[in-house]
Amino acid sequence: MDAVLAEHAWKLQDRYQLSFWDGLIVAVAKSAACTFLLTEDLQSGQDFDSLLVVNPFTTDPKSLL
């Protein structure tokens, strides 16, 4: 965690109306160049500039290939 990551999380929080913690999770995933974010806490199918939210309990992994 550094100041750049915190700033990115705050910007995501404002832009997408997220909690700070969800913004931080998205910021970390984006900084790691992830393609998918597996979570049931955010809206499945939501796209954060090339980071796709996927609910692992409702999505067939084969559909992500």
N, C-alpha and C. Protein backbone atom coordinates (compact mmCIF):
# COMPACT_ATOMS: atom_id res chain seq x y z
N MET A 1 0.85 -1.17 0.00
CA MET A 1 0.00 0.00 0.00
C MET A 1 0.89 1.23 0.00
N ASP A 2 0.64 2.09 -0.95
CA ASP A 2 1.38 3.34 -0.99
C ASP A 2 0.41 4.47 -1.36
N ALA A 3 0.92 5.67 -1.42
CA ALA A 3 0.07 6.84 -1.68
C ALA A 3 -0.56 6.78 -3.07
N VAL A 4 0.16 6.27 -4.04
CA VAL A 4 -0.36 6.19 -5.42
C VAL A 4 -1.55 5.24 -5.47
N LEU A 5 -1.43 4.10 -4.81
CA LEU A 5 -2.52 3.12 -4.79
C LEU A 5 -3.74 3.68 -4.05
N ALA A 6 -3.51 4.36 -2.94
CA ALA A 6 -4.62 4.97 -2.19
C ALA A 6 -5.32 6.04 -3.03
N GLU A 7 -4.57 6.84 -3.74
CA GLU A 7 -5.15 7.87 -4.61
C GLU A 7 -5.99 7.23 -5.73
N HIS A 8 -5.48 6.15 -6.30
CA HIS A 8 -6.22 5.45 -7.34
C HIS A 8 -7.53 4.89 -6.77
N ALA A 9 -7.47 4.34 -5.56
CA ALA A 9 -8.67 3.80 -4.91
C ALA A 9 -9.70 4.91 -4.68
N TRP A 10 -9.27 6.08 -4.25
CA TRP A 10 -10.19 7.20 -4.03
C TRP A 10 -10.84 7.65 -5.34
N LYS A 11 -10.06 7.67 -6.41
CA LYS A 11 -10.62 8.05 -7.71
C LYS A 11 -11.66 7.03 -8.18
N LEU A 12 -11.37 5.75 -8.00
CA LEU A 12 -12.33 4.70 -8.36
C LEU A 12 -13.58 4.80 -7.48
N GLN A 13 -13.39 5.09 -6.21
CA GLN A 13 -14.51 5.26 -5.29
C GLN A 13 -15.44 6.36 -5.77
N ASP A 14 -14.88 7.48 -6.16
CA ASP A 14 -15.68 8.60 -6.65
C ASP A 14 -16.34 8.30 -7.99
N ARG A 15 -15.57 7.74 -8.91
CA ARG A 15 -16.06 7.52 -10.26
C ARG A 15 -17.20 6.49 -10.31
N TYR A 16 -17.05 5.40 -9.54
CA TYR A 16 -18.01 4.31 -9.61
C TYR A 16 -18.92 4.20 -8.38
N GLN A 17 -18.84 5.17 -7.48
CA GLN A 17 -19.66 5.17 -6.26
C GLN A 17 -19.46 3.89 -5.45
N LEU A 18 -18.20 3.54 -5.20
CA LEU A 18 -17.84 2.36 -4.43
C LEU A 18 -17.48 2.76 -3.01
N SER A 19 -17.46 1.78 -2.12
CA SER A 19 -16.86 2.03 -0.81
C SER A 19 -15.36 2.17 -1.02
N PHE A 20 -14.67 2.76 -0.06
CA PHE A 20 -13.22 2.87 -0.20
C PHE A 20 -12.59 1.49 -0.33
N TRP A 21 -13.05 0.52 0.46
CA TRP A 21 -12.45 -0.81 0.46
C TRP A 21 -12.65 -1.51 -0.87
N ASP A 22 -13.83 -1.37 -1.47
CA ASP A 22 -14.05 -1.95 -2.80
C ASP A 22 -13.18 -1.24 -3.83
N GLY A 23 -13.06 0.07 -3.71
CA GLY A 23 -12.18 0.83 -4.60
C GLY A 23 -10.74 0.37 -4.48
N LEU A 24 -10.33 0.07 -3.25
CA LEU A 24 -8.97 -0.40 -3.03
C LEU A 24 -8.75 -1.78 -3.66
N ILE A 25 -9.73 -2.66 -3.53
CA ILE A 25 -9.64 -3.99 -4.15
C ILE A 25 -9.53 -3.86 -5.66
N VAL A 26 -10.35 -3.01 -6.25
CA VAL A 26 -10.30 -2.80 -7.70
C VAL A 26 -8.96 -2.18 -8.10
N ALA A 27 -8.48 -1.21 -7.33
CA ALA A 27 -7.20 -0.57 -7.64
C ALA A 27 -6.05 -1.57 -7.60
N VAL A 28 -6.04 -2.45 -6.60
CA VAL A 28 -4.99 -3.46 -6.50
C VAL A 28 -5.07 -4.44 -7.67
N ALA A 29 -6.28 -4.88 -8.01
CA ALA A 29 -6.43 -5.81 -9.13
C ALA A 29 -5.97 -5.16 -10.44
N LYS A 30 -6.30 -3.88 -10.63
CA LYS A 30 -5.87 -3.18 -11.85
C LYS A 30 -4.36 -3.01 -11.87
N SER A 31 -3.75 -2.72 -10.70
CA SER A 31 -2.30 -2.53 -10.66
C SER A 31 -1.56 -3.85 -10.91
N ALA A 32 -2.23 -4.98 -10.65
CA ALA A 32 -1.64 -6.29 -10.91
C ALA A 32 -1.97 -6.79 -12.32
N ALA A 33 -2.61 -5.94 -13.12
CA ALA A 33 -2.98 -6.26 -14.51
C ALA A 33 -3.89 -7.48 -14.61
N CYS A 34 -4.80 -7.60 -13.64
CA CYS A 34 -5.78 -8.69 -13.67
C CYS A 34 -6.81 -8.42 -14.76
N THR A 35 -7.35 -9.47 -15.32
CA THR A 35 -8.42 -9.37 -16.30
C THR A 35 -9.77 -9.54 -15.65
N PHE A 36 -9.84 -10.41 -14.63
CA PHE A 36 -11.07 -10.71 -13.93
C PHE A 36 -10.91 -10.46 -12.44
N LEU A 37 -11.98 -10.02 -11.82
CA LEU A 37 -12.03 -9.86 -10.37
C LEU A 37 -13.15 -10.76 -9.87
N LEU A 38 -12.79 -11.84 -9.20
CA LEU A 38 -13.77 -12.79 -8.70
C LEU A 38 -14.29 -12.32 -7.34
N THR A 39 -15.56 -11.97 -7.30
CA THR A 39 -16.17 -11.52 -6.06
C THR A 39 -17.68 -11.62 -6.18
N GLU A 40 -18.33 -11.80 -5.04
CA GLU A 40 -19.78 -11.76 -5.02
C GLU A 40 -20.27 -10.44 -4.44
N ASP A 41 -19.34 -9.56 -4.07
CA ASP A 41 -19.69 -8.29 -3.43
C ASP A 41 -19.97 -7.16 -4.41
N LEU A 42 -19.47 -7.26 -5.63
CA LEU A 42 -19.71 -6.25 -6.65
C LEU A 42 -20.63 -6.84 -7.71
N GLN A 43 -21.18 -5.99 -8.55
CA GLN A 43 -22.13 -6.44 -9.57
C GLN A 43 -21.41 -7.24 -10.65
N SER A 44 -21.81 -8.49 -10.80
CA SER A 44 -21.21 -9.35 -11.81
C SER A 44 -21.44 -8.75 -13.20
N GLY A 45 -20.38 -8.73 -14.00
CA GLY A 45 -20.45 -8.16 -15.34
C GLY A 45 -20.01 -6.71 -15.40
N GLN A 46 -19.83 -6.08 -14.24
CA GLN A 46 -19.39 -4.69 -14.23
C GLN A 46 -17.96 -4.62 -14.76
N ASP A 47 -17.70 -3.63 -15.59
CA ASP A 47 -16.40 -3.47 -16.23
C ASP A 47 -15.72 -2.21 -15.69
N PHE A 48 -14.58 -2.39 -15.07
CA PHE A 48 -13.79 -1.27 -14.56
C PHE A 48 -12.60 -1.06 -15.50
N ASP A 49 -12.86 -0.51 -16.68
CA ASP A 49 -11.79 -0.24 -17.65
C ASP A 49 -10.91 -1.47 -17.86
N SER A 50 -11.49 -2.51 -18.41
CA SER A 50 -10.80 -3.77 -18.75
C SER A 50 -10.58 -4.70 -17.57
N LEU A 51 -11.21 -4.45 -16.45
CA LEU A 51 -11.23 -5.38 -15.32
C LEU A 51 -12.68 -5.79 -15.14
N LEU A 52 -12.97 -7.04 -15.44
CA LEU A 52 -14.35 -7.53 -15.42
C LEU A 52 -14.65 -8.22 -14.10
N VAL A 53 -15.74 -7.81 -13.46
CA VAL A 53 -16.19 -8.42 -12.21
C VAL A 53 -16.95 -9.70 -12.55
N VAL A 54 -16.58 -10.79 -11.89
CA VAL A 54 -17.20 -12.09 -12.12
C VAL A 54 -17.60 -12.68 -10.77
N ASN A 55 -18.87 -13.09 -10.67
CA ASN A 55 -19.32 -13.80 -9.49
C ASN A 55 -18.95 -15.27 -9.69
N PRO A 56 -18.02 -15.80 -8.87
CA PRO A 56 -17.56 -17.18 -9.09
C PRO A 56 -18.62 -18.23 -8.78
N PHE A 57 -19.69 -17.84 -8.10
CA PHE A 57 -20.73 -18.80 -7.74
C PHE A 57 -21.82 -18.91 -8.79
N THR A 58 -21.85 -17.98 -9.74
CA THR A 58 -22.89 -18.00 -10.76
C THR A 58 -22.34 -18.07 -12.18
N THR A 59 -21.02 -18.09 -12.33
CA THR A 59 -20.41 -18.06 -13.65
C THR A 59 -19.62 -19.35 -13.89
N ASP A 60 -19.85 -19.94 -15.04
CA ASP A 60 -19.09 -21.13 -15.44
C ASP A 60 -17.69 -20.67 -15.85
N PRO A 61 -16.64 -21.21 -15.24
CA PRO A 61 -15.27 -20.79 -15.59
C PRO A 61 -14.95 -20.93 -17.09
N LYS A 62 -15.57 -21.89 -17.75
CA LYS A 62 -15.33 -22.08 -19.18
C LYS A 62 -15.79 -20.88 -20.00
N SER A 63 -16.77 -20.14 -19.48
CA SER A 63 -17.27 -18.98 -20.22
C SER A 63 -16.28 -17.82 -20.20
N LEU A 64 -15.25 -17.91 -19.39
CA LEU A 64 -14.27 -16.82 -19.28
C LEU A 64 -13.10 -17.00 -20.25
N LEU A 65 -13.04 -18.11 -20.91
CA LEU A 65 -11.92 -18.37 -21.82
C LEU A 65 -12.08 -17.67 -23.14
